[in-house]
C-alpha atoms as a PDB file:
ATOM      1  CA  MET A   1      94.890 117.648 109.192  1.00  0.00           C
ATOM      2  CA  THR A   2      96.666 118.715 106.751  1.00  0.00           C
ATOM      3  CA  ARG A   3      97.715 116.645 103.669  1.00  0.00           C
ATOM      4  CA  LYS A   4     101.668 116.227 103.110  1.00  0.00           C
ATOM      5  CA  SER A   5     102.791 117.015  99.472  1.00  0.00           C
ATOM      6  CA  ARG A   6     104.207 113.973  97.090  1.00  0.00           C
ATOM      7  CA  ARG A   7     107.369 115.414  97.971  1.00  0.00           C
ATOM      8  CA  GLU A   8     107.701 115.428 101.290  1.00  0.00           C
ATOM      9  CA  ILE A   9     106.658 111.577 101.251  1.00  0.00           C
ATOM     10  CA  GLU A  10     109.333 110.922  99.195  1.00  0.00           C
ATOM     11  CA  ARG A  11     111.702 112.291 101.412  1.00  0.00           C
ATOM     12  CA  GLU A  12     110.192 110.675 104.086  1.00  0.00           C
ATOM     13  CA  LEU A  13     110.382 106.917 102.160  1.00  0.00           C
ATOM     14  CA  ASP A  14     114.405 107.668 101.224  1.00  0.00           C
ATOM     15  CA  ASP A  15     114.641 107.310 105.209  1.00  0.00           C
ATOM     16  CA  ILE A  16     112.895 104.082 105.645  1.00  0.00           C
ATOM     17  CA  GLU A  17     115.254 100.330 105.077  1.00  0.00           C
ATOM     18  CA  GLU A  18     113.980  98.414 102.481  1.00  0.00           C
ATOM     19  CA  GLY A  19     111.308  95.993 103.697  1.00  0.00           C
ATOM     20  CA  SER A  20     110.586  98.015 106.995  1.00  0.00           C
ATOM     21  CA  SER A  21     107.420 100.078 107.656  1.00  0.00           C
ATOM     22  CA  GLY A  22     109.620 102.365 109.309  1.00  0.00           C
ATOM     23  CA  GLU A  23     107.311 105.007 111.317  1.00  0.00           C
ATOM     24  CA  TYR A  24     104.408 104.513 109.482  1.00  0.00           C
ATOM     25  CA  PRO A  25     101.362 102.331 111.218  1.00  0.00           C
ATOM     26  CA  THR A  26     100.384  98.855 109.708  1.00  0.00           C
ATOM     27  CA  VAL A  27      97.198  98.540 108.220  1.00  0.00           C
ATOM     28  CA  ASP A  28      94.578  96.334 109.608  1.00  0.00           C
ATOM     29  CA  LEU A  29      91.361  94.483 107.895  1.00  0.00           C
ATOM     30  CA  ALA A  30      89.092  97.089 109.469  1.00  0.00           C
ATOM     31  CA  LEU A  31      91.290  99.970 107.826  1.00  0.00           C
ATOM     32  CA  LEU A  32      91.525  98.159 104.684  1.00  0.00           C
ATOM     33  CA  LEU A  33      88.001  97.712 103.945  1.00  0.00           C
ATOM     34  CA  SER A  34      86.777 100.977 105.476  1.00  0.00           C
ATOM     35  CA  TYR A  35      88.644 103.426 103.635  1.00  0.00           C
ATOM     36  CA  ASP A  36      89.809 104.042 100.082  1.00  0.00           C
ATOM     37  CA  TRP A  37      93.588 103.880  99.415  1.00  0.00           C
ATOM     38  CA  GLU A  38      96.195 104.522  96.991  1.00  0.00           C
ATOM     39  CA  ALA A  39      99.116 103.261  96.440  1.00  0.00           C
ATOM     40  CA  VAL A  40     102.501 105.752  97.237  1.00  0.00           C
ATOM     41  CA  ASP A  41     105.391 103.152  96.700  1.00  0.00           C
ATOM     42  CA  LYS A  42     104.176  99.865  95.976  1.00  0.00           C
ATOM     43  CA  GLU A  43     108.186  98.509  96.587  1.00  0.00           C
ATOM     44  CA  ARG A  44     107.868  99.267 100.308  1.00  0.00           C
ATOM     45  CA  ASN A  45     103.637  98.539 100.294  1.00  0.00           C
ATOM     46  CA  LEU A  46     102.903 101.784 101.552  1.00  0.00           C
ATOM     47  CA  LYS A  47      99.379 103.253 100.437  1.00  0.00           C
ATOM     48  CA  ARG A  48      97.522 106.712 101.437  1.00  0.00           C
ATOM     49  CA  ARG A  49      94.362 106.562 102.966  1.00  0.00           C
ATOM     50  CA  GLN A  50      92.341 108.907 100.419  1.00  0.00           C
ATOM     51  CA  ASP A  51      90.041 110.949 102.824  1.00  0.00           C
ATOM     52  CA  THR A  52      93.078 111.835 105.514  1.00  0.00           C
ATOM     53  CA  GLY A  53      96.328 111.964 103.419  1.00  0.00           C
ATOM     54  CA  GLU A  54      97.450 109.571 106.172  1.00  0.00           C
ATOM     55  CA  VAL A  55     100.030 106.768 105.142  1.00  0.00           C
ATOM     56  CA  TYR A  56      99.965 103.405 106.137  1.00  0.00           C
ATOM     57  CA  TYR A  57     102.281 100.153 105.703  1.00  0.00           C
ATOM     58  CA  PHE A  58     100.639  97.177 104.014  1.00  0.00           C
ATOM     59  CA  PRO A  59     101.979  94.002 105.203  1.00  0.00           C
ATOM     60  CA  GLU A  60     101.917  91.133 102.950  1.00  0.00           C
ATOM     61  CA  PHE A  61      99.042  89.075 104.083  1.00  0.00           C
ATOM     62  CA  GLU A  62      99.548  85.485 104.114  1.00  0.00           C
ATOM     63  CA  PHE A  63      96.251  83.253 103.766  1.00  0.00           C
ATOM     64  CA  GLY A  64      96.056  79.707 105.364  1.00  0.00           C
ATOM     65  CA  GLU A  65      96.734  76.255 103.166  1.00  0.00           C
ATOM     66  CA  GLN A  66      95.077  76.499  99.742  1.00  0.00           C
ATOM     67  CA  VAL A  67      92.860  73.445  99.235  1.00  0.00           C
ATOM     68  CA  GLU A  68      92.787  71.553  95.964  1.00  0.00           C
ATOM     69  CA  SER A  69      89.471  70.373  94.466  1.00  0.00           C
END
């Protein structure tokens, strides 16, 4: 699989609506912990998997209620 250039990714990002994952798959916990990632677009929560160059959408994770001690 060929790795997309930064310009190609930037062009694709321009086509994505703000706050939407668009055509990118959403990362799950197993993928998140299994690979090294680099930020592509922090505002849109997109990161690239370093070994393949695939871009994934990283939703904002909400953790349960915080317990006060």
